[in-house]
Amino acid sequence: MRNDQEMYNLILGTAREDERVRAVILNGSRANPNSPHDFFQDYDVIYIVTDVAALKRDPGFIARFGELMIMQLPDEMADPPPRGEHGSYAYLLQFTDGNRIDLTLYPLAQLDKLWKDSLSILLLDKDGILSPFPPANEGDYLPKPPTAKAFANCCNEFWWISPYVAKGLWRGEFVYARFMLDQALREQLEIMLTWYIGMNTGFSINSGKYGKYFKRYLEPDLWDMLLGTYADADYNHSWVALYVMGNLFRRIAGQVAVFFGFTYPHSDDERVSEHLRHIRSLPMNAKEMY
């Protein structure tokens, strides 16, 4: 596997040797001073170029970066394909040696419209066209405190979706039930967990995409509860995971409500929780719910 220095030499060497590339910006986790370093990290790179179309037509351009395992062209994948932001074009490149580069070609003519990501490092600027970058930081990725409406909406959505899981399990519609549990319901739990961690850290911590750093910032008992929301392909275990998810949501949402002076919907929680228990107790040949 090519090491970090070899990859940076390749990325910058390619840019220096190609007159169409005028500047290079590094984004993402490799620009993040707080991100743990390992060999799975992508190289998120922006090339500021004079002619996006010409580089797209050049078959040798991408070949320079190494032997591909697989490539994805997100700007070509819809029907009709989306247009890259301000004429940009992305190559997602997974190489056979394990390295990955997410390379975006961004037109020089649209430089004034380039989003200034706080996790950015200017690696190369041939013409002095970019102002100096501030030190890379997580400012654009920090969670924001909830509004009262956002909090109420999250609670409402969580308890509204919970019966979908229950009826799916009772009907034997396992795939449907697990979609509602593991995606629709979990999304609301993750929102609340992000607020809970933000509340405890002054909203100065990035808890990671899809909660990848939750373990760092949750108390051990809450982390154990969160692990208990992941069930195997078993109906009874899925019921237990649903109950644990409700208990965890109730616990952290109650604390978030107290901290911000919001109102937690105890009545909704109690009625829905009782309904879930009732659905689980129904015999499979029941003709009516109540």
C-alpha atoms as a PDB file:
ATOM      1  CA  MET A   1       0.000   0.000   0.000  1.00  0.00           C
ATOM      2  CA  ARG A   2       1.401   3.402  -0.921  1.00  0.00           C
ATOM      3  CA  ASN A   3       2.066   5.463   2.186  1.00  0.00           C
ATOM      4  CA  ASP A   4       0.860   8.993   2.934  1.00  0.00           C
ATOM      5  CA  GLN A   5       3.960  10.680   1.565  1.00  0.00           C
ATOM      6  CA  GLU A   6       3.803   8.714  -1.669  1.00  0.00           C
ATOM      7  CA  MET A   7       0.156   9.642  -2.137  1.00  0.00           C
ATOM      8  CA  TYR A   8       0.739  13.341  -1.469  1.00  0.00           C
ATOM      9  CA  ASN A   9       3.704  13.288  -3.831  1.00  0.00           C
ATOM     10  CA  LEU A  10       1.460  11.755  -6.482  1.00  0.00           C
ATOM     11  CA  ILE A  11      -1.404  14.200  -5.940  1.00  0.00           C
ATOM     12  CA  LEU A  12       0.843  17.250  -5.922  1.00  0.00           C
ATOM     13  CA  GLY A  13       3.216  15.975  -8.587  1.00  0.00           C
ATOM     14  CA  THR A  14       0.333  15.401 -10.977  1.00  0.00           C
ATOM     15  CA  ALA A  15      -0.942  18.901 -10.300  1.00  0.00           C
ATOM     16  CA  ARG A  16       2.466  20.528 -10.751  1.00  0.00           C
ATOM     17  CA  GLU A  17       3.109  18.757 -14.044  1.00  0.00           C
ATOM     18  CA  ASP A  18      -0.287  19.527 -15.568  1.00  0.00           C
ATOM     19  CA  GLU A  19      -0.698  23.152 -16.643  1.00  0.00           C
ATOM     20  CA  ARG A  20      -4.459  22.780 -16.520  1.00  0.00           C
ATOM     21  CA  VAL A  21      -4.325  22.357 -12.733  1.00  0.00           C
ATOM     22  CA  ARG A  22      -3.691  25.666 -10.976  1.00  0.00           C
ATOM     23  CA  ALA A  23      -4.343  24.919  -7.303  1.00  0.00           C
ATOM     24  CA  VAL A  24      -4.926  21.981  -4.952  1.00  0.00           C
ATOM     25  CA  ILE A  25      -7.091  21.924  -1.824  1.00  0.00           C
ATOM     26  CA  LEU A  26      -7.349  19.101   0.716  1.00  0.00           C
ATOM     27  CA  ASN A  27     -10.676  18.628   2.509  1.00  0.00           C
ATOM     28  CA  GLY A  28     -12.205  16.042   4.801  1.00  0.00           C
ATOM     29  CA  SER A  29     -10.793  13.934   7.602  1.00  0.00           C
ATOM     30  CA  ARG A  30      -7.170  14.305   6.487  1.00  0.00           C
ATOM     31  CA  ALA A  31      -7.548  18.047   6.960  1.00  0.00           C
ATOM     32  CA  ASN A  32      -9.127  17.555  10.383  1.00  0.00           C
ATOM     33  CA  PRO A  33      -6.631  17.857  13.272  1.00  0.00           C
ATOM     34  CA  ASN A  34      -9.096  15.995  15.526  1.00  0.00           C
ATOM     35  CA  SER A  35      -9.703  13.027  13.246  1.00  0.00           C
ATOM     36  CA  PRO A  36      -7.923   9.765  14.125  1.00  0.00           C
ATOM     37  CA  HIS A  37      -5.448   8.791  11.444  1.00  0.00           C
ATOM     38  CA  ASP A  38      -5.569   5.367   9.795  1.00  0.00           C
ATOM     39  CA  PHE A  39      -5.118   3.767   6.389  1.00  0.00           C
ATOM     40  CA  PHE A  40      -8.844   3.889   5.586  1.00  0.00           C
ATOM     41  CA  GLN A  41      -8.922   7.681   5.348  1.00  0.00           C
ATOM     42  CA  ASP A  42      -9.732   9.025   1.902  1.00  0.00           C
ATOM     43  CA  TYR A  43      -7.785  11.794   0.231  1.00  0.00           C
ATOM     44  CA  ASP A  44     -10.500  14.374  -0.424  1.00  0.00           C
ATOM     45  CA  VAL A  45      -8.901  16.627  -3.023  1.00  0.00           C
ATOM     46  CA  ILE A  46     -10.066  19.558  -5.126  1.00  0.00           C
ATOM     47  CA  TYR A  47      -8.133  20.484  -8.246  1.00  0.00           C
ATOM     48  CA  ILE A  48      -8.828  24.038  -9.409  1.00  0.00           C
ATOM     49  CA  VAL A  49      -8.518  23.658 -13.186  1.00  0.00           C
ATOM     50  CA  THR A  50      -8.676  25.818 -16.280  1.00  0.00           C
ATOM     51  CA  ASP A  51     -10.700  23.317 -18.333  1.00  0.00           C
ATOM     52  CA  VAL A  52     -12.841  20.647 -16.671  1.00  0.00           C
ATOM     53  CA  ALA A  53     -14.071  19.271 -19.988  1.00  0.00           C
ATOM     54  CA  ALA A  54     -10.555  18.786 -21.364  1.00  0.00           C
ATOM     55  CA  LEU A  55      -9.463  16.792 -18.320  1.00  0.00           C
ATOM     56  CA  LYS A  56     -12.575  14.622 -18.516  1.00  0.00           C
ATOM     57  CA  ARG A  57     -11.669  13.761 -22.122  1.00  0.00           C
ATOM     58  CA  ASP A  58      -8.068  12.900 -21.230  1.00  0.00           C
ATOM     59  CA  PRO A  59      -7.891   9.099 -20.672  1.00  0.00           C
ATOM     60  CA  GLY A  60      -4.403   9.307 -19.212  1.00  0.00           C
ATOM     61  CA  PHE A  61      -5.323  11.784 -16.498  1.00  0.00           C
ATOM     62  CA  ILE A  62      -6.984   9.399 -14.061  1.00  0.00           C
ATOM     63  CA  ALA A  63      -4.702   6.508 -15.039  1.00  0.00           C
ATOM     64  CA  ARG A  64      -1.789   8.386 -13.466  1.00  0.00           C
ATOM     65  CA  PHE A  65      -3.155   7.859  -9.971  1.00  0.00           C
ATOM     66  CA  GLY A  66      -2.813   4.078  -9.937  1.00  0.00           C
ATOM     67  CA  GLU A  67      -4.517   0.773 -10.617  1.00  0.00           C
ATOM     68  CA  LEU A  68      -8.232   1.077  -9.976  1.00  0.00           C
ATOM     69  CA  MET A  69     -10.311  -1.436  -8.065  1.00  0.00           C
ATOM     70  CA  ILE A  70     -13.478   0.499  -8.828  1.00  0.00           C
ATOM     71  CA  MET A  71     -14.429   4.028  -9.817  1.00  0.00           C
ATOM     72  CA  GLN A  72     -17.625   5.963  -9.292  1.00  0.00           C
ATOM     73  CA  LEU A  73     -18.681   9.026 -11.266  1.00  0.00           C
ATOM     74  CA  PRO A  74     -21.489  10.591  -9.214  1.00  0.00           C
ATOM     75  CA  ASP A  75     -22.124  13.289 -11.794  1.00  0.00           C
ATOM     76  CA  GLU A  76     -22.967  10.594 -14.364  1.00  0.00           C
ATOM     77  CA  MET A  77     -25.156   8.339 -12.253  1.00  0.00           C
ATOM     78  CA  ALA A  78     -28.627   9.883 -12.463  1.00  0.00           C
ATOM     79  CA  ASP A  79     -30.901   9.946 -15.510  1.00  0.00           C
ATOM     80  CA  PRO A  80     -30.496  12.643 -16.652  1.00  0.00           C
ATOM     81  CA  PRO A  81     -27.167  13.111 -14.876  1.00  0.00           C
ATOM     82  CA  PRO A  82     -26.891  15.988 -12.417  1.00  0.00           C
ATOM     83  CA  ARG A  83     -24.654  18.882 -13.203  1.00  0.00           C
ATOM     84  CA  GLY A  84     -21.726  19.279 -10.852  1.00  0.00           C
ATOM     85  CA  GLU A  85     -21.837  22.326  -8.631  1.00  0.00           C
ATOM     86  CA  HIS A  86     -20.832  25.339 -10.750  1.00  0.00           C
ATOM     87  CA  GLY A  87     -19.520  23.035 -13.461  1.00  0.00           C
ATOM     88  CA  SER A  88     -17.402  20.823 -11.217  1.00  0.00           C
ATOM     89  CA  TYR A  89     -16.884  17.107 -11.852  1.00  0.00           C
ATOM     90  CA  ALA A  90     -16.017  14.369  -9.353  1.00  0.00           C
ATOM     91  CA  TYR A  91     -14.059  11.133  -9.596  1.00  0.00           C
ATOM     92  CA  LEU A  92     -14.309   8.715  -6.662  1.00  0.00           C
ATOM     93  CA  LEU A  93     -11.305   6.431  -7.038  1.00  0.00           C
ATOM     94  CA  GLN A  94     -10.718   3.242  -5.046  1.00  0.00           C
ATOM     95  CA  PHE A  95      -7.342   1.728  -5.845  1.00  0.00           C
ATOM     96  CA  THR A  96      -6.263  -1.896  -5.616  1.00  0.00           C
ATOM     97  CA  ASP A  97      -3.639  -1.063  -2.972  1.00  0.00           C
ATOM     98  CA  GLY A  98      -6.363   0.150  -0.587  1.00  0.00           C
ATOM     99  CA  ASN A  99      -5.911   3.878  -1.069  1.00  0.00           C
ATOM    100  CA  ARG A 100      -8.817   6.061  -2.140  1.00  0.00           C
ATOM    101  CA  ILE A 101      -8.929   9.533  -3.659  1.00  0.00           C
ATOM    102  CA  ASP A 102     -12.127  11.540  -3.994  1.00  0.00           C
ATOM    103  CA  LEU A 103     -11.035  14.040  -6.631  1.00  0.00           C
ATOM    104  CA  THR A 104     -13.149  17.008  -7.651  1.00  0.00           C
ATOM    105  CA  LEU A 105     -12.268  19.115 -10.674  1.00  0.00           C
ATOM    106  CA  TYR A 106     -13.469  22.650 -10.039  1.00  0.00           C
ATOM    107  CA  PRO A 107     -13.433  25.314 -12.765  1.00  0.00           C
ATOM    108  CA  LEU A 108     -11.131  28.245 -12.200  1.00  0.00           C
ATOM    109  CA  ALA A 109     -13.721  30.522 -13.787  1.00  0.00           C
ATOM    110  CA  GLN A 110     -16.111  29.764 -10.903  1.00  0.00           C
ATOM    111  CA  LEU A 111     -13.570  30.181  -8.138  1.00  0.00           C
ATOM    112  CA  ASP A 112     -15.523  32.975  -6.482  1.00  0.00           C
ATOM    113  CA  LYS A 113     -18.412  30.518  -5.918  1.00  0.00           C
ATOM    114  CA  LEU A 114     -16.319  27.791  -4.290  1.00  0.00           C
ATOM    115  CA  TRP A 115     -17.673  26.895  -0.854  1.00  0.00           C
ATOM    116  CA  LYS A 116     -15.133  27.712   1.856  1.00  0.00           C
ATOM    117  CA  ASP A 117     -15.138  24.495   3.871  1.00  0.00           C
ATOM    118  CA  SER A 118     -13.624  25.007   7.337  1.00  0.00           C
ATOM    119  CA  LEU A 119     -11.825  21.653   6.966  1.00  0.00           C
ATOM    120  CA  SER A 120      -9.586  22.791   4.135  1.00  0.00           C
ATOM    121  CA  ILE A 121      -5.835  22.988   3.626  1.00  0.00           C
ATOM    122  CA  LEU A 122      -4.317  24.756   0.626  1.00  0.00           C
ATOM    123  CA  LEU A 123      -1.654  22.385  -0.692  1.00  0.00           C
ATOM    124  CA  LEU A 124      -0.701  24.220  -3.880  1.00  0.00           C
ATOM    125  CA  ASP A 125      -1.437  27.566  -5.492  1.00  0.00           C
ATOM    126  CA  LYS A 126       0.601  28.163  -8.624  1.00  0.00           C
ATOM    127  CA  ASP A 127      -0.697  31.658  -9.279  1.00  0.00           C
ATOM    128  CA  GLY A 128      -1.552  33.060  -5.857  1.00  0.00           C
ATOM    129  CA  ILE A 129      -5.246  32.999  -6.788  1.00  0.00           C
ATOM    130  CA  LEU A 130      -6.483  31.955  -3.343  1.00  0.00           C
ATOM    131  CA  SER A 131      -6.341  33.899  -0.123  1.00  0.00           C
ATOM    132  CA  PRO A 132      -4.514  32.188   2.735  1.00  0.00           C
ATOM    133  CA  PHE A 133      -6.681  29.612   4.487  1.00  0.00           C
ATOM    134  CA  PRO A 134      -7.270  29.810   8.247  1.00  0.00           C
ATOM    135  CA  PRO A 135      -6.126  26.735  10.180  1.00  0.00           C
ATOM    136  CA  ALA A 136      -8.388  23.811   9.368  1.00  0.00           C
ATOM    137  CA  ASN A 137     -11.083  23.398  12.005  1.00  0.00           C
ATOM    138  CA  GLU A 138     -14.427  21.671  12.549  1.00  0.00           C
ATOM    139  CA  GLY A 139     -16.458  24.865  12.637  1.00  0.00           C
ATOM    140  CA  ASP A 140     -18.711  23.887   9.717  1.00  0.00           C
ATOM    141  CA  TYR A 141     -19.367  20.457  11.241  1.00  0.00           C
ATOM    142  CA  LEU A 142     -20.309  21.294  14.813  1.00  0.00           C
ATOM    143  CA  PRO A 143     -23.887  20.529  15.861  1.00  0.00           C
ATOM    144  CA  LYS A 144     -26.271  23.386  16.510  1.00  0.00           C
ATOM    145  CA  PRO A 145     -28.478  23.601  19.607  1.00  0.00           C
ATOM    146  CA  PRO A 146     -32.062  22.540  18.929  1.00  0.00           C
ATOM    147  CA  THR A 147     -34.918  24.982  18.737  1.00  0.00           C
ATOM    148  CA  ALA A 148     -38.056  24.153  20.684  1.00  0.00           C
ATOM    149  CA  LYS A 149     -39.765  23.265  17.406  1.00  0.00           C
ATOM    150  CA  ALA A 150     -36.943  21.006  16.237  1.00  0.00           C
ATOM    151  CA  PHE A 151     -36.966  19.210  19.584  1.00  0.00           C
ATOM    152  CA  ALA A 152     -40.746  18.759  19.499  1.00  0.00           C
ATOM    153  CA  ASN A 153     -40.606  17.519  15.910  1.00  0.00           C
ATOM    154  CA  CYS A 154     -37.922  14.960  16.736  1.00  0.00           C
ATOM    155  CA  CYS A 155     -39.906  13.602  19.699  1.00  0.00           C
ATOM    156  CA  ASN A 156     -43.104  13.488  17.675  1.00  0.00           C
ATOM    157  CA  GLU A 157     -41.448  11.666  14.790  1.00  0.00           C
ATOM    158  CA  PHE A 158     -39.816   9.128  17.101  1.00  0.00           C
ATOM    159  CA  TRP A 159     -43.044   8.135  18.833  1.00  0.00           C
ATOM    160  CA  TRP A 160     -45.057   8.366  15.595  1.00  0.00           C
ATOM    161  CA  ILE A 161     -42.765   5.878  13.840  1.00  0.00           C
ATOM    162  CA  SER A 162     -42.514   3.406  16.737  1.00  0.00           C
ATOM    163  CA  PRO A 163     -45.894   1.727  16.020  1.00  0.00           C
ATOM    164  CA  TYR A 164     -44.757   1.070  12.440  1.00  0.00           C
ATOM    165  CA  VAL A 165     -42.050  -1.184  13.847  1.00  0.00           C
ATOM    166  CA  ALA A 166     -44.548  -2.949  16.102  1.00  0.00           C
ATOM    167  CA  LYS A 167     -47.112  -3.657  13.400  1.00  0.00           C
ATOM    168  CA  GLY A 168     -44.386  -4.869  11.050  1.00  0.00           C
ATOM    169  CA  LEU A 169     -43.130  -7.336  13.659  1.00  0.00           C
ATOM    170  CA  TRP A 170     -46.654  -8.536  14.487  1.00  0.00           C
ATOM    171  CA  ARG A 171     -47.494  -9.077  10.805  1.00  0.00           C
ATOM    172  CA  GLY A 172     -44.269 -10.980  10.221  1.00  0.00           C
ATOM    173  CA  GLU A 173     -43.081  -8.281   7.817  1.00  0.00           C
ATOM    174  CA  PHE A 174     -39.571  -8.478   9.156  1.00  0.00           C
ATOM    175  CA  VAL A 175     -37.719  -6.504   6.491  1.00  0.00           C
ATOM    176  CA  TYR A 176     -40.240  -3.655   6.705  1.00  0.00           C
ATOM    177  CA  ALA A 177     -40.118  -3.651  10.508  1.00  0.00           C
ATOM    178  CA  ARG A 178     -36.343  -3.536  10.566  1.00  0.00           C
ATOM    179  CA  PHE A 179     -36.221  -0.738   8.029  1.00  0.00           C
ATOM    180  CA  MET A 180     -38.472   1.331  10.278  1.00  0.00           C
ATOM    181  CA  LEU A 181     -36.419   0.409  13.355  1.00  0.00           C
ATOM    182  CA  ASP A 182     -32.908   0.667  11.952  1.00  0.00           C
ATOM    183  CA  GLN A 183     -33.331   3.640   9.651  1.00  0.00           C
ATOM    184  CA  ALA A 184     -36.439   5.743  10.203  1.00  0.00           C
ATOM    185  CA  LEU A 185     -36.569   5.447  14.002  1.00  0.00           C
ATOM    186  CA  ARG A 186     -32.810   5.364  14.520  1.00  0.00           C
ATOM    187  CA  GLU A 187     -32.440   8.613  12.577  1.00  0.00           C
ATOM    188  CA  GLN A 188     -34.438  10.431  15.253  1.00  0.00           C
ATOM    189  CA  LEU A 189     -32.496   8.755  18.042  1.00  0.00           C
ATOM    190  CA  GLU A 190     -29.221   9.868  16.457  1.00  0.00           C
ATOM    191  CA  ILE A 191     -30.486  13.442  16.188  1.00  0.00           C
ATOM    192  CA  MET A 192     -31.355  13.433  19.891  1.00  0.00           C
ATOM    193  CA  LEU A 193     -28.039  11.824  20.825  1.00  0.00           C
ATOM    194  CA  THR A 194     -26.209  14.540  18.897  1.00  0.00           C
ATOM    195  CA  TRP A 195     -28.077  17.215  20.858  1.00  0.00           C
ATOM    196  CA  TYR A 196     -27.402  15.383  24.102  1.00  0.00           C
ATOM    197  CA  ILE A 197     -23.670  15.224  23.410  1.00  0.00           C
ATOM    198  CA  GLY A 198     -23.734  18.860  22.272  1.00  0.00           C
ATOM    199  CA  MET A 199     -25.477  19.847  25.493  1.00  0.00           C
ATOM    200  CA  ASN A 200     -22.711  18.190  27.507  1.00  0.00           C
ATOM    201  CA  THR A 201     -19.844  19.621  25.454  1.00  0.00           C
ATOM    202  CA  GLY A 202     -21.061  23.144  24.786  1.00  0.00           C
ATOM    203  CA  PHE A 203     -21.703  22.193  21.146  1.00  0.00           C
ATOM    204  CA  SER A 204     -17.967  22.389  20.602  1.00  0.00           C
ATOM    205  CA  ILE A 205     -17.506  18.739  19.588  1.00  0.00           C
ATOM    206  CA  ASN A 206     -18.111  17.029  16.259  1.00  0.00           C
ATOM    207  CA  SER A 207     -19.683  13.663  17.121  1.00  0.00           C
ATOM    208  CA  GLY A 208     -19.107  12.398  13.593  1.00  0.00           C
ATOM    209  CA  LYS A 209     -21.105  11.460  10.553  1.00  0.00           C
ATOM    210  CA  TYR A 210     -23.772   8.866  11.414  1.00  0.00           C
ATOM    211  CA  GLY A 211     -22.632   8.928  15.039  1.00  0.00           C
ATOM    212  CA  LYS A 212     -19.232   7.375  14.414  1.00  0.00           C
ATOM    213  CA  TYR A 213     -17.755   9.113  17.483  1.00  0.00           C
ATOM    214  CA  PHE A 214     -20.722   8.551  19.822  1.00  0.00           C
ATOM    215  CA  LYS A 215     -18.711   6.050  21.870  1.00  0.00           C
ATOM    216  CA  ARG A 216     -16.209   8.791  22.795  1.00  0.00           C
ATOM    217  CA  TYR A 217     -18.810  11.086  24.313  1.00  0.00           C
ATOM    218  CA  LEU A 218     -21.561   8.903  25.768  1.00  0.00           C
ATOM    219  CA  GLU A 219     -21.457   7.614  29.328  1.00  0.00           C
ATOM    220  CA  PRO A 220     -20.698   3.866  29.368  1.00  0.00           C
ATOM    221  CA  ASP A 221     -24.225   2.906  30.414  1.00  0.00           C
ATOM    222  CA  LEU A 222     -25.748   4.977  27.601  1.00  0.00           C
ATOM    223  CA  TRP A 223     -23.309   3.444  25.129  1.00  0.00           C
ATOM    224  CA  ASP A 224     -24.358  -0.013  26.313  1.00  0.00           C
ATOM    225  CA  MET A 225     -27.996   0.956  25.828  1.00  0.00           C
ATOM    226  CA  LEU A 226     -27.239   2.167  22.321  1.00  0.00           C
ATOM    227  CA  LEU A 227     -25.574  -1.154  21.497  1.00  0.00           C
ATOM    228  CA  GLY A 228     -28.712  -2.842  22.795  1.00  0.00           C
ATOM    229  CA  THR A 229     -30.741  -1.188  20.033  1.00  0.00           C
ATOM    230  CA  TYR A 230     -28.996  -3.343  17.417  1.00  0.00           C
ATOM    231  CA  ALA A 231     -30.704  -6.703  17.058  1.00  0.00           C
ATOM    232  CA  ASP A 232     -30.003  -9.805  15.034  1.00  0.00           C
ATOM    233  CA  ALA A 233     -32.496 -11.447  12.655  1.00  0.00           C
ATOM    234  CA  ASP A 234     -34.816 -12.538  15.451  1.00  0.00           C
ATOM    235  CA  TYR A 235     -38.323 -11.245  16.136  1.00  0.00           C
ATOM    236  CA  ASN A 236     -38.059 -11.304  19.933  1.00  0.00           C
ATOM    237  CA  HIS A 237     -34.676  -9.608  19.880  1.00  0.00           C
ATOM    238  CA  SER A 238     -36.107  -6.955  17.558  1.00  0.00           C
ATOM    239  CA  TRP A 239     -38.914  -6.276  20.041  1.00  0.00           C
ATOM    240  CA  VAL A 240     -36.337  -5.886  22.802  1.00  0.00           C
ATOM    241  CA  ALA A 241     -34.286  -3.523  20.618  1.00  0.00           C
ATOM    242  CA  LEU A 242     -37.405  -1.408  20.037  1.00  0.00           C
ATOM    243  CA  TYR A 243     -38.039  -1.153  23.778  1.00  0.00           C
ATOM    244  CA  VAL A 244     -34.403  -0.307  24.512  1.00  0.00           C
ATOM    245  CA  MET A 245     -34.476   2.368  21.836  1.00  0.00           C
ATOM    246  CA  GLY A 246     -37.542   3.902  23.450  1.00  0.00           C
ATOM    247  CA  ASN A 247     -35.941   3.809  26.899  1.00  0.00           C
ATOM    248  CA  LEU A 248     -32.769   5.434  25.605  1.00  0.00           C
ATOM    249  CA  PHE A 249     -34.650   8.106  23.683  1.00  0.00           C
ATOM    250  CA  ARG A 250     -36.816   8.899  26.719  1.00  0.00           C
ATOM    251  CA  ARG A 251     -33.812   9.193  28.988  1.00  0.00           C
ATOM    252  CA  ILE A 252     -31.695  11.514  26.873  1.00  0.00           C
ATOM    253  CA  ALA A 253     -34.620  13.555  25.480  1.00  0.00           C
ATOM    254  CA  GLY A 254     -35.813  14.207  29.025  1.00  0.00           C
ATOM    255  CA  GLN A 255     -32.413  15.629  29.921  1.00  0.00           C
ATOM    256  CA  VAL A 256     -32.238  17.714  26.755  1.00  0.00           C
ATOM    257  CA  ALA A 257     -35.711  19.085  27.540  1.00  0.00           C
ATOM    258  CA  VAL A 258     -34.705  20.100  31.068  1.00  0.00           C
ATOM    259  CA  PHE A 259     -31.449  21.675  29.894  1.00  0.00           C
ATOM    260  CA  PHE A 260     -33.109  23.865  27.256  1.00  0.00           C
ATOM    261  CA  GLY A 261     -36.391  24.460  29.045  1.00  0.00           C
ATOM    262  CA  PHE A 262     -38.398  22.467  26.489  1.00  0.00           C
ATOM    263  CA  THR A 263     -41.448  20.316  27.143  1.00  0.00           C
ATOM    264  CA  TYR A 264     -41.021  16.570  26.712  1.00  0.00           C
ATOM    265  CA  PRO A 265     -44.231  14.887  25.421  1.00  0.00           C
ATOM    266  CA  HIS A 266     -44.703  12.448  28.295  1.00  0.00           C
ATOM    267  CA  SER A 267     -48.307  11.698  27.319  1.00  0.00           C
ATOM    268  CA  ASP A 268     -47.354  10.731  23.756  1.00  0.00           C
ATOM    269  CA  ASP A 269     -44.547   8.565  25.119  1.00  0.00           C
ATOM    270  CA  GLU A 270     -46.796   6.787  27.612  1.00  0.00           C
ATOM    271  CA  ARG A 271     -49.648   6.143  25.189  1.00  0.00           C
ATOM    272  CA  VAL A 272     -47.413   4.892  22.402  1.00  0.00           C
ATOM    273  CA  SER A 273     -45.309   2.748  24.757  1.00  0.00           C
ATOM    274  CA  GLU A 274     -48.449   1.088  26.106  1.00  0.00           C
ATOM    275  CA  HIS A 275     -49.652   0.534  22.540  1.00  0.00           C
ATOM    276  CA  LEU A 276     -46.376  -1.190  21.650  1.00  0.00           C
ATOM    277  CA  ARG A 277     -46.674  -3.532  24.600  1.00  0.00           C
ATOM    278  CA  HIS A 278     -50.262  -4.297  23.643  1.00  0.00           C
ATOM    279  CA  ILE A 279     -49.362  -5.105  20.034  1.00  0.00           C
ATOM    280  CA  ARG A 280     -46.651  -7.488  21.187  1.00  0.00           C
ATOM    281  CA  SER A 281     -49.131  -9.314  23.406  1.00  0.00           C
ATOM    282  CA  LEU A 282     -51.696  -9.803  20.603  1.00  0.00           C
ATOM    283  CA  PRO A 283     -52.051 -13.383  19.414  1.00  0.00           C
ATOM    284  CA  MET A 284     -51.139 -13.892  15.792  1.00  0.00           C
ATOM    285  CA  ASN A 285     -54.724 -14.847  14.936  1.00  0.00           C
ATOM    286  CA  ALA A 286     -56.251 -11.731  16.522  1.00  0.00           C
ATOM    287  CA  LYS A 287     -59.144 -10.298  14.486  1.00  0.00           C
ATOM    288  CA  GLU A 288     -59.088  -6.851  16.039  1.00  0.00           C
ATOM    289  CA  MET A 289     -56.557  -4.695  17.817  1.00  0.00           C
ATOM    290  CA  TYR A 290     -58.550  -3.753  20.918  1.00  0.00           C
END
